[in-house]
Amino acid sequence: QVQVVESGGGLVQAGGSLRLSCTTSGLTFDHYPMAWFRQAPGKEREGISCIISSGDSTYFADSVKGRFTISRDNSKNLLWLQMNSLEPEDTAMYYCAVRGRRYGLCTDSSPSAYHYWGQGTQVIVSS
């Protein structure tokens, strides 16, 4: 049984930083591209960052480019999202997701490309 668990969310002031973590079990972690999505109330789920299985290539949505960094440690089954210069518009539930097929590039940021999801961790950025 595959499990995906996020942590690290919280309340932060605008301009601050948070680091989200994600760990998985029940799958071969280093075979799969991983991604972070977020969903604000009343909005669609948005793919904001992806990293390929080796960690050598990443993708960032324009909304977070230059402020967020994604990384992974395949030896520990860990994925991170470092979020800097946070803005109130970053307030959302953040989800870790495992791509539905092994290997490949981060060419599809739609939720349908991802098969396993965590429960989410809430990020609130106050102005």
Protein backbone atom coordinates (compact mmCIF):
# COMPACT_ATOMS: atom_id res chain seq x y z
CA GLN A 1 0.00 0.00 0.00
CA VAL A 2 1.42 3.34 -1.07
CA GLN A 3 1.41 6.14 1.45
CA VAL A 4 2.33 9.77 0.88
CA VAL A 5 2.70 12.09 3.86
CA GLU A 6 3.39 15.82 3.85
CA SER A 7 4.51 17.98 6.75
CA GLY A 8 5.86 21.43 7.44
CA GLY A 9 2.94 23.70 6.77
CA GLY A 10 1.93 26.48 9.09
CA LEU A 11 1.28 30.17 9.56
CA VAL A 12 3.92 32.61 8.42
CA GLN A 13 4.09 36.34 7.77
CA ALA A 14 4.50 37.68 4.28
CA GLY A 15 8.14 37.65 3.27
CA GLY A 16 8.86 34.64 5.43
CA SER A 17 9.88 31.09 4.58
CA LEU A 18 8.65 27.56 5.11
CA ARG A 19 9.99 24.19 4.10
CA LEU A 20 7.55 21.43 3.29
CA SER A 21 8.57 17.79 3.46
CA CYS A 22 7.08 14.70 1.90
CA THR A 23 7.86 11.07 2.46
CA THR A 24 6.50 7.99 0.80
CA SER A 25 6.30 4.28 1.47
CA GLY A 26 5.16 1.32 -0.55
CA LEU A 27 6.85 2.31 -3.78
CA THR A 28 10.35 2.60 -5.22
CA PHE A 29 10.83 6.30 -4.54
CA ASP A 30 13.74 6.89 -6.92
CA HIS A 31 11.76 5.58 -9.89
CA TYR A 32 9.17 8.33 -9.89
CA PRO A 33 8.95 12.03 -10.68
CA MET A 34 7.44 13.88 -7.75
CA ALA A 35 5.50 17.12 -7.61
CA TRP A 36 3.97 19.70 -5.36
CA PHE A 37 0.50 21.01 -5.99
CA ARG A 38 -1.55 23.56 -4.12
CA GLN A 39 -5.19 24.41 -3.91
CA ALA A 40 -6.67 27.57 -2.51
CA PRO A 41 -10.33 27.79 -1.51
CA GLY A 42 -12.52 28.13 -4.56
CA LYS A 43 -9.65 27.53 -6.97
CA GLU A 44 -8.45 24.59 -8.99
CA ARG A 45 -5.53 22.48 -7.89
CA GLU A 46 -2.36 23.97 -9.36
CA GLY A 47 0.86 22.15 -10.14
CA ILE A 48 3.62 24.40 -8.86
CA SER A 49 6.78 22.31 -8.99
CA CYS A 50 8.06 18.96 -10.18
CA ILE A 51 11.34 17.07 -9.98
CA ILE A 52 12.33 14.07 -12.05
CA SER A 53 13.29 10.78 -10.47
CA SER A 54 17.04 11.48 -10.51
CA GLY A 55 16.60 15.02 -9.23
CA ASP A 56 18.51 16.45 -12.18
CA SER A 57 15.65 18.41 -13.70
CA THR A 58 12.95 20.52 -12.16
CA TYR A 59 9.91 22.55 -13.18
CA PHE A 60 8.35 25.56 -11.55
CA ALA A 61 5.14 27.37 -12.31
CA ASP A 62 5.55 31.05 -13.09
CA SER A 63 3.71 31.92 -9.88
CA VAL A 64 6.52 30.49 -7.73
CA LYS A 65 9.56 30.65 -9.98
CA GLY A 66 12.53 32.27 -8.26
CA ARG A 67 10.97 31.91 -4.81
CA PHE A 68 10.46 28.16 -4.38
CA THR A 69 12.99 25.34 -4.66
CA ILE A 70 12.26 21.63 -4.97
CA SER A 71 14.69 18.90 -3.99
CA ARG A 72 14.75 15.21 -3.10
CA ASP A 73 16.92 12.69 -1.31
CA ASN A 74 16.32 9.32 -2.88
CA SER A 75 18.32 7.52 -0.19
CA LYS A 76 15.81 8.71 2.41
CA ASN A 77 12.58 8.75 0.36
CA LEU A 78 12.24 12.46 1.04
CA LEU A 79 11.00 15.35 -1.06
CA TRP A 80 11.15 18.99 -0.03
CA LEU A 81 9.72 22.30 -1.13
CA GLN A 82 11.61 25.32 0.15
CA MET A 83 9.36 28.34 -0.02
CA ASN A 84 10.90 31.79 0.34
CA SER A 85 9.49 35.30 0.03
CA LEU A 86 6.04 33.99 0.76
CA GLU A 87 3.06 36.10 -0.24
CA PRO A 88 -0.56 36.03 0.97
CA GLU A 89 -1.42 34.62 -2.46
CA ASP A 90 0.57 31.50 -1.56
CA THR A 91 -2.02 30.60 1.07
CA ALA A 92 -3.35 27.16 0.15
CA MET A 93 -3.37 23.49 0.96
CA TYR A 94 -0.17 22.00 -0.39
CA TYR A 95 -0.07 18.45 -1.69
CA CYS A 96 2.75 16.08 -2.52
CA ALA A 97 2.09 13.80 -5.47
CA VAL A 98 3.74 10.85 -7.18
CA ARG A 99 3.60 10.68 -10.95
CA GLY A 100 1.55 7.87 -12.39
CA ARG A 101 4.39 6.39 -14.40
CA ARG A 102 8.02 5.81 -13.68
CA TYR A 103 10.85 8.03 -14.86
CA GLY A 104 10.17 10.64 -17.56
CA LEU A 105 10.33 14.40 -17.47
CA CYS A 106 8.17 16.99 -15.75
CA THR A 107 6.20 17.79 -18.87
CA ASP A 108 2.69 17.46 -17.50
CA SER A 109 1.61 19.55 -14.54
CA SER A 110 -1.99 18.43 -14.55
CA PRO A 111 -3.27 16.53 -11.50
CA SER A 112 -4.39 13.66 -13.73
CA ALA A 113 -0.76 12.77 -14.42
CA TYR A 114 -0.21 11.95 -10.76
CA HIS A 115 -1.42 8.76 -9.19
CA TYR A 116 -0.64 8.94 -5.48
CA TRP A 117 -1.40 11.90 -3.24
CA GLY A 118 -0.87 12.95 0.32
CA GLN A 119 -3.53 14.46 2.54
CA GLY A 120 -2.06 17.92 2.26
CA THR A 121 -0.48 20.42 4.61
CA GLN A 122 -1.94 23.87 5.13
CA VAL A 123 0.10 26.99 4.47
CA ILE A 124 -1.25 30.36 5.57
CA VAL A 125 0.61 33.54 4.77
CA SER A 126 -0.54 36.62 6.64
CA SER A 127 -0.11 40.12 5.29
